[in-house]
N, C-alpha and C. Protein backbone atom coordinates (compact mmCIF):
# COMPACT_ATOMS: atom_id res chain seq x y z
N MET A 1 -116.84 -48.01 -39.10
CA MET A 1 -116.66 -47.35 -40.28
C MET A 1 -117.54 -47.85 -41.74
N ALA A 2 -118.37 -47.70 -42.39
CA ALA A 2 -118.96 -48.11 -43.57
C ALA A 2 -117.63 -48.25 -44.68
N ALA A 3 -118.31 -49.23 -45.33
CA ALA A 3 -117.32 -49.94 -46.64
C ALA A 3 -117.45 -48.59 -47.60
N PRO A 4 -116.18 -48.65 -48.38
CA PRO A 4 -116.18 -47.74 -49.44
C PRO A 4 -117.21 -48.00 -50.38
N PRO A 5 -117.84 -47.04 -50.99
CA PRO A 5 -118.57 -47.59 -52.07
C PRO A 5 -118.15 -48.14 -53.21
N PRO A 6 -119.28 -49.09 -54.17
CA PRO A 6 -118.32 -49.67 -55.14
C PRO A 6 -117.81 -48.67 -55.93
N ASN A 7 -116.61 -49.23 -56.83
CA ASN A 7 -116.34 -48.49 -58.11
C ASN A 7 -117.65 -48.35 -59.20
N PRO A 8 -117.90 -47.06 -59.72
CA PRO A 8 -119.03 -47.29 -60.57
C PRO A 8 -118.46 -47.70 -62.03
N VAL A 9 -116.94 -47.34 -62.26
CA VAL A 9 -116.37 -47.33 -63.61
C VAL A 9 -116.35 -49.21 -63.52
N PRO A 10 -116.67 -49.50 -64.99
CA PRO A 10 -116.49 -50.93 -65.04
C PRO A 10 -115.37 -51.25 -65.15
N VAL A 11 -115.06 -52.76 -65.07
CA VAL A 11 -113.75 -53.16 -64.68
C VAL A 11 -112.76 -52.86 -66.33
N ALA A 12 -113.54 -53.06 -67.09
CA ALA A 12 -112.62 -53.01 -68.52
C ALA A 12 -112.20 -51.61 -68.47
N TYR A 13 -112.61 -50.56 -68.10
CA TYR A 13 -112.11 -49.00 -68.27
C TYR A 13 -111.59 -48.77 -67.20
N ARG A 14 -111.14 -49.46 -66.38
CA ARG A 14 -110.14 -49.15 -65.03
C ARG A 14 -108.58 -49.35 -65.64
N GLY A 15 -107.92 -48.52 -65.42
CA GLY A 15 -106.30 -48.53 -65.78
C GLY A 15 -105.82 -49.79 -64.88
N GLY A 16 -104.84 -49.87 -65.33
CA GLY A 16 -103.95 -51.39 -64.81
C GLY A 16 -104.47 -52.81 -64.88
N SER A 17 -105.67 -53.04 -65.69
CA SER A 17 -105.86 -54.19 -66.03
C SER A 17 -104.96 -54.50 -67.39
N PRO A 18 -105.10 -55.90 -67.51
CA PRO A 18 -104.36 -56.32 -68.94
C PRO A 18 -104.62 -55.47 -70.07
N SER A 19 -106.03 -55.13 -70.17
CA SER A 19 -106.70 -54.72 -71.59
C SER A 19 -106.56 -53.42 -71.42
N VAL A 20 -106.64 -52.64 -70.57
CA VAL A 20 -106.05 -51.12 -70.45
C VAL A 20 -105.08 -50.61 -69.48
N PRO A 21 -103.90 -50.22 -70.11
CA PRO A 21 -102.26 -50.04 -69.38
C PRO A 21 -102.69 -48.84 -68.74
N ASP A 22 -101.77 -48.92 -67.86
CA ASP A 22 -101.87 -47.37 -66.79
C ASP A 22 -101.54 -46.25 -67.50
N TRP A 23 -100.98 -46.32 -68.56
CA TRP A 23 -100.60 -44.96 -69.22
C TRP A 23 -101.46 -44.47 -70.21
N LEU A 24 -102.59 -45.32 -70.69
CA LEU A 24 -103.36 -45.11 -71.31
C LEU A 24 -104.37 -44.00 -71.08
N ASN A 25 -104.50 -42.93 -71.77
CA ASN A 25 -105.54 -41.71 -71.33
C ASN A 25 -106.37 -41.89 -72.20
N LYS A 26 -107.65 -42.11 -72.13
CA LYS A 26 -108.58 -42.60 -73.36
C LYS A 26 -109.04 -41.31 -74.20
N GLY A 27 -109.06 -40.01 -73.44
CA GLY A 27 -109.46 -38.82 -73.63
C GLY A 27 -108.39 -38.53 -74.90
N ASP A 28 -107.31 -38.53 -74.55
CA ASP A 28 -106.07 -38.26 -75.46
C ASP A 28 -106.20 -38.83 -76.74
N ASN A 29 -106.30 -40.29 -76.57
CA ASN A 29 -106.53 -41.16 -77.59
C ASN A 29 -107.37 -40.93 -78.69
N ALA A 30 -108.73 -40.63 -78.12
CA ALA A 30 -109.65 -40.40 -78.86
C ALA A 30 -109.46 -38.73 -79.78
N TRP A 31 -109.38 -38.10 -78.90
CA TRP A 31 -108.75 -36.79 -79.87
C TRP A 31 -107.87 -36.96 -80.78
N GLN A 32 -106.47 -37.86 -80.71
CA GLN A 32 -105.85 -38.36 -81.52
C GLN A 32 -106.66 -38.58 -82.78
N MET A 33 -107.18 -39.67 -82.64
CA MET A 33 -108.15 -40.37 -83.60
C MET A 33 -109.02 -39.50 -84.38
N ILE A 34 -109.75 -38.92 -83.47
CA ILE A 34 -110.50 -37.68 -83.97
C ILE A 34 -110.00 -36.77 -85.16
N SER A 35 -108.89 -36.09 -84.45
CA SER A 35 -107.98 -35.71 -85.35
C SER A 35 -107.36 -35.94 -86.56
N ALA A 36 -107.20 -37.05 -86.56
CA ALA A 36 -106.54 -37.88 -87.84
C ALA A 36 -107.71 -38.08 -88.77
N THR A 37 -108.88 -38.44 -88.06
CA THR A 37 -110.25 -38.58 -89.07
C THR A 37 -110.88 -37.57 -89.73
N LEU A 38 -110.68 -36.20 -89.05
CA LEU A 38 -110.75 -35.17 -89.72
C LEU A 38 -110.24 -34.51 -90.87
N VAL A 39 -108.85 -34.86 -90.45
CA VAL A 39 -108.02 -34.58 -91.70
C VAL A 39 -108.11 -35.49 -93.09
N GLY A 40 -108.48 -36.79 -92.55
CA GLY A 40 -108.98 -37.97 -93.59
C GLY A 40 -109.96 -37.66 -94.48
N LEU A 41 -111.17 -36.62 -93.70
CA LEU A 41 -112.14 -36.27 -94.36
C LEU A 41 -111.93 -35.06 -95.17
N GLN A 42 -110.71 -34.49 -95.05
CA GLN A 42 -110.46 -33.39 -95.65
C GLN A 42 -110.03 -33.92 -97.18
N SER A 43 -109.30 -34.95 -96.91
CA SER A 43 -108.21 -35.92 -97.95
C SER A 43 -109.37 -36.17 -99.04
N VAL A 44 -110.10 -37.31 -98.63
CA VAL A 44 -110.86 -38.03 -99.25
C VAL A 44 -111.98 -37.48 -100.05
N PRO A 45 -113.12 -37.32 -99.34
CA PRO A 45 -114.26 -36.86 -99.67
C PRO A 45 -114.16 -35.42 -99.81
N GLY A 46 -113.38 -34.39 -99.15
CA GLY A 46 -113.29 -33.22 -99.51
C GLY A 46 -112.50 -32.86 -100.60
N LEU A 47 -111.38 -33.10 -100.92
CA LEU A 47 -110.42 -32.99 -101.92
C LEU A 47 -111.17 -33.50 -103.43
N VAL A 48 -111.61 -34.63 -103.11
CA VAL A 48 -112.36 -35.37 -104.32
C VAL A 48 -113.53 -34.49 -104.85
N ILE A 49 -114.13 -34.16 -104.25
CA ILE A 49 -115.41 -32.92 -104.38
C ILE A 49 -114.78 -31.89 -105.05
N LEU A 50 -113.87 -31.15 -104.38
CA LEU A 50 -113.25 -29.93 -105.03
C LEU A 50 -112.72 -30.26 -106.39
N TYR A 51 -111.56 -31.30 -106.29
CA TYR A 51 -111.01 -31.61 -107.58
C TYR A 51 -112.17 -31.97 -108.74
N GLY A 52 -113.26 -32.56 -108.37
CA GLY A 52 -114.21 -33.01 -109.49
C GLY A 52 -114.94 -31.66 -110.23
N SER A 53 -115.01 -30.59 -109.17
CA SER A 53 -115.60 -29.68 -109.56
C SER A 53 -114.67 -28.74 -110.32
N ILE A 54 -113.51 -28.92 -110.40
CA ILE A 54 -112.67 -27.83 -111.02
C ILE A 54 -112.05 -28.17 -112.38
N VAL A 55 -112.27 -29.52 -112.86
CA VAL A 55 -111.47 -29.82 -113.89
C VAL A 55 -113.03 -30.22 -115.07
N LYS A 56 -112.56 -30.20 -116.31
CA LYS A 56 -114.08 -30.71 -117.26
C LYS A 56 -114.26 -31.82 -116.92
N LYS A 57 -115.53 -32.16 -117.47
CA LYS A 57 -116.50 -33.24 -117.09
C LYS A 57 -115.79 -34.65 -117.27
N LYS A 58 -115.20 -34.67 -118.58
CA LYS A 58 -114.47 -35.74 -118.93
C LYS A 58 -113.30 -36.20 -118.11
N TRP A 59 -112.91 -35.10 -116.95
CA TRP A 59 -111.82 -35.70 -116.19
C TRP A 59 -112.11 -35.74 -114.73
N ALA A 60 -113.44 -35.49 -114.41
CA ALA A 60 -113.95 -35.85 -113.05
C ALA A 60 -113.79 -36.97 -112.42
N VAL A 61 -114.05 -38.09 -113.26
CA VAL A 61 -113.86 -39.09 -112.44
C VAL A 61 -112.30 -39.59 -112.59
N ASN A 62 -111.75 -39.32 -113.26
CA ASN A 62 -110.02 -39.50 -113.42
C ASN A 62 -109.52 -38.91 -112.04
N SER A 63 -109.60 -37.43 -112.02
CA SER A 63 -109.34 -36.44 -110.72
C SER A 63 -110.01 -37.67 -109.28
N ALA A 64 -111.07 -37.91 -109.45
CA ALA A 64 -111.38 -38.56 -108.15
C ALA A 64 -110.65 -39.83 -107.88
N PHE A 65 -110.76 -40.53 -108.57
CA PHE A 65 -109.69 -41.91 -108.54
C PHE A 65 -108.38 -41.55 -108.30
N MET A 66 -107.93 -40.37 -108.95
CA MET A 66 -106.40 -40.44 -108.62
C MET A 66 -106.52 -39.87 -106.97
N ALA A 67 -107.23 -38.96 -106.41
CA ALA A 67 -107.46 -38.85 -104.66
C ALA A 67 -107.89 -39.74 -103.99
N PHE A 68 -108.70 -40.90 -104.77
CA PHE A 68 -108.72 -41.86 -103.75
C PHE A 68 -107.56 -42.74 -103.87
N TYR A 69 -107.04 -43.34 -105.12
CA TYR A 69 -105.72 -44.01 -104.89
C TYR A 69 -104.77 -43.51 -104.36
N ALA A 70 -104.50 -42.33 -104.48
CA ALA A 70 -103.31 -41.68 -103.53
C ALA A 70 -103.66 -42.05 -102.15
N PHE A 71 -104.71 -41.77 -101.62
CA PHE A 71 -104.96 -42.04 -100.00
C PHE A 71 -104.82 -43.75 -99.81
N ALA A 72 -105.38 -44.23 -100.62
CA ALA A 72 -105.35 -46.07 -100.38
C ALA A 72 -103.79 -46.23 -100.64
N ALA A 73 -103.07 -45.84 -101.47
CA ALA A 73 -101.85 -46.20 -101.80
C ALA A 73 -100.77 -45.81 -100.49
N ILE A 74 -101.06 -44.50 -100.13
CA ILE A 74 -100.08 -43.95 -98.87
C ILE A 74 -100.37 -44.63 -97.71
N VAL A 75 -101.77 -45.12 -97.34
CA VAL A 75 -102.01 -46.08 -96.07
C VAL A 75 -101.21 -47.26 -96.24
N ILE A 76 -101.39 -48.13 -97.39
CA ILE A 76 -100.61 -49.42 -97.47
C ILE A 76 -98.89 -49.10 -97.32
N CYS A 77 -98.58 -48.17 -98.02
CA CYS A 77 -96.99 -47.94 -98.29
C CYS A 77 -96.48 -47.32 -96.73
N TRP A 78 -97.55 -46.48 -96.00
CA TRP A 78 -97.17 -46.14 -94.78
C TRP A 78 -96.71 -47.05 -93.71
N VAL A 79 -97.88 -47.90 -93.62
CA VAL A 79 -97.65 -49.00 -92.62
C VAL A 79 -96.55 -50.09 -93.21
N VAL A 80 -96.40 -50.43 -94.31
CA VAL A 80 -95.63 -51.27 -94.82
C VAL A 80 -94.14 -50.81 -94.75
N TRP A 81 -93.57 -49.63 -94.85
CA TRP A 81 -92.43 -49.09 -94.92
C TRP A 81 -92.02 -47.58 -94.63
N ALA A 82 -92.89 -46.86 -94.80
CA ALA A 82 -92.60 -45.45 -94.56
C ALA A 82 -92.84 -44.77 -93.27
N TYR A 83 -93.55 -45.09 -92.21
CA TYR A 83 -93.29 -44.84 -91.01
C TYR A 83 -91.98 -44.89 -90.68
N LYS A 84 -91.50 -46.20 -90.54
CA LYS A 84 -90.38 -46.32 -89.84
C LYS A 84 -89.20 -45.66 -90.79
N MET A 85 -89.31 -45.12 -92.03
CA MET A 85 -88.16 -44.39 -92.81
C MET A 85 -88.51 -43.16 -92.19
N SER A 86 -89.60 -42.57 -91.75
CA SER A 86 -89.65 -41.15 -91.20
C SER A 86 -89.32 -40.78 -89.95
N PHE A 87 -89.62 -41.93 -89.12
CA PHE A 87 -89.73 -41.85 -87.55
C PHE A 87 -88.66 -43.01 -86.97
N GLY A 88 -88.15 -43.57 -87.56
CA GLY A 88 -87.55 -44.66 -87.04
C GLY A 88 -85.68 -44.52 -87.12
N ASP A 89 -85.13 -45.65 -87.13
CA ASP A 89 -83.67 -45.44 -86.98
C ASP A 89 -83.12 -44.92 -88.43
N MET A 90 -81.96 -44.33 -88.37
CA MET A 90 -81.62 -43.76 -89.51
C MET A 90 -80.56 -44.75 -90.48
N LEU A 91 -80.43 -44.54 -91.93
CA LEU A 91 -79.97 -45.19 -92.63
C LEU A 91 -78.81 -44.58 -93.14
N LEU A 92 -78.98 -43.61 -93.51
CA LEU A 92 -78.09 -42.18 -93.94
C LEU A 92 -78.86 -40.91 -93.38
N PRO A 93 -77.80 -40.07 -93.47
CA PRO A 93 -77.78 -38.67 -92.69
C PRO A 93 -79.60 -38.20 -92.97
N PHE A 94 -79.88 -38.58 -94.34
CA PHE A 94 -81.11 -37.94 -94.78
C PHE A 94 -82.29 -38.93 -95.32
N TRP A 95 -81.93 -40.17 -94.73
CA TRP A 95 -82.90 -41.19 -95.11
C TRP A 95 -83.14 -42.21 -93.97
N GLY A 96 -84.31 -42.62 -93.83
CA GLY A 96 -84.60 -43.71 -92.52
C GLY A 96 -84.57 -44.98 -93.07
N LYS A 97 -84.42 -45.77 -92.15
CA LYS A 97 -84.41 -47.36 -92.32
C LYS A 97 -85.87 -47.89 -92.79
N ALA A 98 -86.22 -48.42 -93.86
CA ALA A 98 -87.72 -48.86 -93.98
C ALA A 98 -87.88 -50.15 -93.00
N GLY A 99 -88.93 -50.11 -92.76
CA GLY A 99 -89.53 -51.19 -91.85
C GLY A 99 -91.21 -51.15 -91.72
N PRO A 100 -91.52 -52.39 -91.36
CA PRO A 100 -93.28 -52.47 -91.14
C PRO A 100 -93.34 -52.04 -89.82
N ALA A 101 -94.70 -51.03 -89.88
CA ALA A 101 -95.24 -50.70 -88.78
C ALA A 101 -96.55 -51.25 -88.32
N LEU A 102 -96.60 -52.75 -88.50
CA LEU A 102 -97.85 -53.34 -88.50
C LEU A 102 -97.81 -54.53 -87.25
N GLY A 103 -96.65 -54.82 -86.52
CA GLY A 103 -96.56 -55.56 -85.51
C GLY A 103 -97.38 -55.01 -84.25
N GLN A 104 -98.37 -56.25 -83.77
CA GLN A 104 -99.25 -55.84 -82.76
C GLN A 104 -98.28 -55.25 -81.34
N LYS A 105 -97.02 -56.07 -80.86
CA LYS A 105 -96.15 -55.53 -80.23
C LYS A 105 -95.72 -54.14 -80.43
N PHE A 106 -95.52 -53.67 -81.84
CA PHE A 106 -95.26 -51.92 -81.90
C PHE A 106 -96.43 -51.35 -81.80
N LEU A 107 -97.53 -51.70 -82.22
CA LEU A 107 -98.80 -50.61 -82.36
C LEU A 107 -99.22 -50.54 -80.86
N ILE A 108 -99.33 -51.88 -80.03
CA ILE A 108 -100.08 -51.47 -78.68
C ILE A 108 -99.36 -50.60 -78.03
N ASN A 109 -97.89 -50.54 -77.73
CA ASN A 109 -97.16 -49.56 -77.04
C ASN A 109 -97.38 -48.28 -77.12
N GLN A 110 -96.84 -47.68 -75.69
CA GLN A 110 -97.03 -46.22 -75.61
C GLN A 110 -96.42 -45.61 -76.89
N ALA A 111 -96.91 -44.52 -77.31
CA ALA A 111 -96.24 -43.82 -78.57
C ALA A 111 -95.08 -43.18 -78.17
N ALA A 112 -94.00 -42.90 -79.11
CA ALA A 112 -92.97 -42.09 -78.34
C ALA A 112 -92.51 -41.39 -79.64
N LEU A 113 -92.48 -40.30 -79.36
CA LEU A 113 -92.31 -38.86 -80.48
C LEU A 113 -90.63 -38.72 -80.33
N PRO A 114 -90.11 -38.91 -81.60
CA PRO A 114 -88.55 -38.82 -81.32
C PRO A 114 -87.90 -37.34 -80.84
N GLU A 115 -86.95 -37.06 -80.58
CA GLU A 115 -86.38 -35.59 -80.01
C GLU A 115 -85.82 -35.13 -81.46
N THR A 116 -85.79 -33.59 -81.53
CA THR A 116 -85.39 -32.80 -82.74
C THR A 116 -83.72 -32.72 -81.87
N ILE A 117 -83.22 -32.79 -83.33
CA ILE A 117 -81.71 -32.33 -82.83
C ILE A 117 -81.23 -30.82 -83.39
N GLN A 118 -82.00 -30.33 -82.63
CA GLN A 118 -81.82 -28.68 -82.67
C GLN A 118 -81.58 -28.34 -81.16
N PHE A 119 -80.50 -27.55 -81.00
CA PHE A 119 -80.35 -27.29 -79.65
C PHE A 119 -80.18 -25.88 -79.50
N TYR A 120 -80.51 -25.57 -78.09
CA TYR A 120 -80.36 -24.16 -77.68
C TYR A 120 -79.20 -23.61 -77.66
N ASP A 121 -78.79 -22.30 -77.37
CA ASP A 121 -77.60 -21.56 -76.86
C ASP A 121 -76.81 -22.47 -75.99
N ASN A 122 -77.53 -22.88 -75.16
CA ASN A 122 -76.83 -23.22 -73.87
C ASN A 122 -76.58 -25.06 -73.99
N GLY A 123 -77.08 -25.67 -75.03
CA GLY A 123 -76.57 -26.99 -75.22
C GLY A 123 -77.72 -27.81 -74.85
N GLY A 124 -78.70 -27.52 -74.55
CA GLY A 124 -80.13 -28.22 -74.19
C GLY A 124 -80.72 -28.31 -75.49
N VAL A 125 -81.51 -29.77 -75.55
CA VAL A 125 -82.24 -30.18 -76.73
C VAL A 125 -83.69 -29.11 -76.58
N GLU A 126 -83.93 -28.83 -77.82
CA GLU A 126 -85.20 -27.76 -78.09
C GLU A 126 -86.41 -28.76 -77.78
N THR A 127 -86.21 -30.02 -78.48
CA THR A 127 -87.46 -30.54 -78.33
C THR A 127 -87.33 -31.95 -77.96
N ALA A 128 -87.51 -32.43 -76.63
CA ALA A 128 -86.89 -33.55 -76.00
C ALA A 128 -87.99 -34.59 -76.47
N MET A 129 -87.50 -36.00 -76.15
CA MET A 129 -88.43 -37.23 -76.63
C MET A 129 -89.72 -36.81 -76.00
N ALA A 130 -90.86 -37.48 -76.58
CA ALA A 130 -92.17 -37.20 -75.87
C ALA A 130 -93.08 -38.53 -75.67
N THR A 131 -93.38 -38.85 -74.60
CA THR A 131 -94.29 -39.87 -74.80
C THR A 131 -95.64 -39.83 -74.24
N PRO A 132 -96.60 -39.30 -75.24
CA PRO A 132 -98.02 -39.20 -74.97
C PRO A 132 -98.58 -40.30 -74.69
N LEU A 133 -99.81 -39.81 -74.22
CA LEU A 133 -100.92 -41.16 -73.48
C LEU A 133 -101.38 -41.72 -74.21
N TYR A 134 -101.55 -42.11 -75.25
CA TYR A 134 -101.85 -42.88 -76.47
C TYR A 134 -100.94 -44.19 -77.40
N PRO A 135 -101.53 -44.71 -77.52
CA PRO A 135 -100.84 -46.07 -78.38
C PRO A 135 -100.00 -45.79 -79.52
N MET A 136 -99.13 -46.36 -79.98
CA MET A 136 -98.43 -46.21 -81.24
C MET A 136 -99.47 -46.34 -82.57
N ALA A 137 -100.19 -47.15 -82.42
CA ALA A 137 -101.30 -47.23 -83.53
C ALA A 137 -101.70 -45.93 -83.76
N SER A 138 -102.05 -45.24 -82.91
CA SER A 138 -102.92 -43.74 -83.05
C SER A 138 -101.99 -43.15 -83.80
N MET A 139 -100.63 -42.69 -83.22
CA MET A 139 -99.32 -42.27 -83.82
C MET A 139 -99.21 -42.43 -85.38
N VAL A 140 -99.38 -43.82 -86.05
CA VAL A 140 -99.11 -44.18 -87.10
C VAL A 140 -100.04 -43.63 -87.97
N TRP A 141 -101.46 -43.60 -87.39
CA TRP A 141 -102.55 -43.47 -88.34
C TRP A 141 -102.66 -41.86 -88.35
N PHE A 142 -102.24 -41.31 -87.39
CA PHE A 142 -102.39 -39.51 -87.49
C PHE A 142 -101.37 -39.23 -88.19
N GLN A 143 -100.00 -39.62 -88.37
CA GLN A 143 -99.04 -39.28 -89.23
C GLN A 143 -99.38 -39.68 -90.78
N CYS A 144 -100.22 -40.94 -91.14
CA CYS A 144 -100.39 -41.41 -92.27
C CYS A 144 -101.23 -40.32 -93.02
N VAL A 145 -102.39 -39.91 -92.26
CA VAL A 145 -103.31 -39.23 -92.81
C VAL A 145 -102.63 -37.99 -93.40
N PHE A 146 -101.75 -37.13 -92.50
CA PHE A 146 -101.00 -36.00 -92.95
C PHE A 146 -100.09 -36.38 -94.27
N ALA A 147 -99.37 -37.34 -94.24
CA ALA A 147 -98.46 -37.80 -95.42
C ALA A 147 -99.34 -38.06 -96.42
N ALA A 148 -100.56 -38.41 -96.32
CA ALA A 148 -101.28 -38.75 -97.72
C ALA A 148 -101.96 -37.37 -97.96
N ILE A 149 -102.56 -36.49 -97.47
CA ILE A 149 -103.13 -35.03 -97.81
C ILE A 149 -102.00 -34.06 -98.24
N SER A 150 -100.91 -34.00 -97.27
CA SER A 150 -99.84 -32.95 -97.44
C SER A 150 -99.15 -33.17 -98.56
N THR A 151 -98.95 -34.30 -99.02
CA THR A 151 -98.23 -34.30 -100.37
C THR A 151 -98.87 -34.90 -101.46
N LEU A 152 -99.43 -35.83 -101.54
CA LEU A 152 -99.83 -36.46 -103.03
C LEU A 152 -101.29 -35.95 -103.13
N ILE A 153 -102.11 -35.95 -102.17
CA ILE A 153 -103.27 -35.60 -102.65
C ILE A 153 -103.26 -34.03 -103.02
N LEU A 154 -102.62 -33.32 -102.40
CA LEU A 154 -102.29 -31.84 -102.80
C LEU A 154 -101.99 -31.96 -103.99
N LEU A 155 -100.76 -32.63 -104.45
CA LEU A 155 -100.04 -32.63 -105.37
C LEU A 155 -101.17 -33.32 -106.45
N ALA A 156 -101.69 -33.95 -106.41
CA ALA A 156 -102.66 -34.34 -107.31
C ALA A 156 -103.61 -33.30 -107.96
N GLY A 157 -104.02 -32.33 -107.34
CA GLY A 157 -104.56 -31.02 -107.89
C GLY A 157 -103.74 -30.37 -108.98
N SER A 158 -102.59 -30.75 -108.68
CA SER A 158 -101.66 -29.93 -109.91
C SER A 158 -101.55 -30.43 -111.19
N VAL A 159 -101.73 -31.78 -111.15
CA VAL A 159 -101.67 -32.38 -112.27
C VAL A 159 -102.87 -33.42 -112.82
N LEU A 160 -104.01 -32.62 -112.37
CA LEU A 160 -105.37 -33.06 -113.08
C LEU A 160 -105.17 -32.84 -114.38
N GLY A 161 -105.97 -33.92 -115.08
CA GLY A 161 -105.86 -33.79 -116.51
C GLY A 161 -104.84 -33.60 -117.57
N ARG A 162 -103.60 -33.93 -116.66
CA ARG A 162 -102.20 -33.79 -117.53
C ARG A 162 -101.44 -35.06 -117.46
N VAL A 163 -101.83 -35.79 -116.22
CA VAL A 163 -100.99 -37.09 -116.09
C VAL A 163 -102.08 -38.36 -116.37
N ASN A 164 -101.22 -39.42 -116.69
CA ASN A 164 -102.06 -40.64 -117.01
C ASN A 164 -102.43 -41.49 -115.51
N PHE A 165 -103.22 -42.02 -115.31
CA PHE A 165 -103.68 -42.65 -114.23
C PHE A 165 -102.50 -44.01 -114.09
N LYS A 166 -101.82 -44.41 -115.02
CA LYS A 166 -101.02 -45.72 -114.65
C LYS A 166 -99.94 -44.89 -114.55
N ALA A 167 -99.47 -43.90 -114.86
CA ALA A 167 -98.17 -43.35 -114.65
C ALA A 167 -98.34 -42.73 -113.06
N TRP A 168 -99.57 -42.20 -112.81
CA TRP A 168 -99.87 -41.78 -111.38
C TRP A 168 -99.87 -43.08 -110.60
N MET A 169 -100.14 -43.99 -110.93
CA MET A 169 -100.05 -45.35 -109.76
C MET A 169 -98.56 -45.77 -109.75
N ALA A 170 -97.60 -45.51 -110.62
CA ALA A 170 -96.25 -45.69 -110.37
C ALA A 170 -95.53 -44.54 -109.46
N PHE A 171 -96.25 -43.16 -109.67
CA PHE A 171 -95.62 -42.31 -109.09
C PHE A 171 -95.78 -42.18 -107.73
N VAL A 172 -97.16 -42.69 -106.95
CA VAL A 172 -97.42 -42.27 -105.76
C VAL A 172 -96.65 -43.37 -104.87
N PRO A 173 -96.35 -44.48 -105.16
CA PRO A 173 -95.32 -45.06 -104.14
C PRO A 173 -94.03 -44.75 -104.27
N LEU A 174 -93.44 -44.11 -105.55
CA LEU A 174 -92.25 -43.81 -105.32
C LEU A 174 -92.05 -42.29 -104.87
N TRP A 175 -93.14 -41.41 -104.87
CA TRP A 175 -92.86 -40.12 -103.96
C TRP A 175 -92.83 -40.27 -102.79
N LEU A 176 -93.56 -41.09 -101.91
CA LEU A 176 -93.62 -41.11 -100.54
C LEU A 176 -92.17 -41.44 -100.22
N PRO A 177 -91.41 -42.38 -100.61
CA PRO A 177 -89.92 -42.76 -99.80
C PRO A 177 -88.93 -41.58 -100.30
N PHE A 178 -88.99 -40.88 -101.66
CA PHE A 178 -88.25 -40.42 -101.91
C PHE A 178 -88.42 -38.53 -101.87
N SER A 179 -89.62 -38.50 -101.42
CA SER A 179 -89.64 -36.78 -101.13
C SER A 179 -90.37 -36.92 -99.60
N TYR A 180 -91.50 -37.26 -99.26
CA TYR A 180 -92.00 -37.31 -98.04
C TYR A 180 -90.91 -37.57 -97.06
N THR A 181 -90.76 -38.82 -97.01
CA THR A 181 -89.94 -39.50 -95.65
C THR A 181 -88.46 -38.82 -95.56
N VAL A 182 -87.87 -38.12 -96.48
CA VAL A 182 -86.88 -37.57 -96.48
C VAL A 182 -86.93 -36.12 -95.98
N GLY A 183 -87.89 -35.72 -96.21
CA GLY A 183 -88.37 -34.25 -95.85
C GLY A 183 -88.56 -34.47 -94.46
N VAL A 184 -89.18 -35.30 -93.65
CA VAL A 184 -89.53 -35.57 -92.33
C VAL A 184 -88.61 -35.82 -91.92
N THR A 185 -87.27 -36.51 -92.19
CA THR A 185 -86.42 -37.04 -91.85
C THR A 185 -85.21 -35.88 -91.40
N LEU A 186 -85.28 -35.16 -92.34
CA LEU A 186 -84.34 -33.98 -92.36
C LEU A 186 -85.02 -32.85 -91.48
N ASN A 187 -86.09 -32.70 -91.41
CA ASN A 187 -86.48 -31.93 -90.58
C ASN A 187 -86.75 -32.30 -88.89
N GLU A 188 -86.37 -33.72 -88.67
CA GLU A 188 -86.20 -34.04 -87.18
C GLU A 188 -84.63 -33.66 -87.01
N GLN A 189 -83.99 -33.58 -88.28
CA GLN A 189 -82.36 -33.60 -87.65
C GLN A 189 -82.23 -32.20 -87.34
N GLU A 190 -83.11 -31.12 -87.90
CA GLU A 190 -82.51 -29.59 -87.91
C GLU A 190 -82.66 -29.15 -86.48
């Protein structure tokens, strides 16, 4: 018998090596990252252009900086405390424990999506815990861009030209834990 043909896939891309775990699906991970990037593109350049075009000329730069600042501040706040408030352990029935989502051991592990506490009539859980085939880092980034666009950057459009930038700088980090993370946590419990 002839020897099997050599594997044309480079060693770095084969599953089961220390650099590529067995559970990682590069297609799933790539799609998760592309989806998050497209949402991020809606946030920063998309809404900056939209908001700059709907306000008076003297407020255009202010509105652009409001959107830029909101996105940047949410990224920092999300990885420092808000991700674990939203998707981690519970501190109160409506509020999660704050904690950083920055550790390498946390970010390179397989993502785990928590189960909901909604039940079917027969007592089964409606949405069980899921373990998608991409790392936790992809999940943290994906949820981060949605936290940025779905709350603060869209909210910025309603206060354009009516709020001081310094007040906006104080409002953004406070809005995330007191509004968005509470909403996500309550949504998981229903």
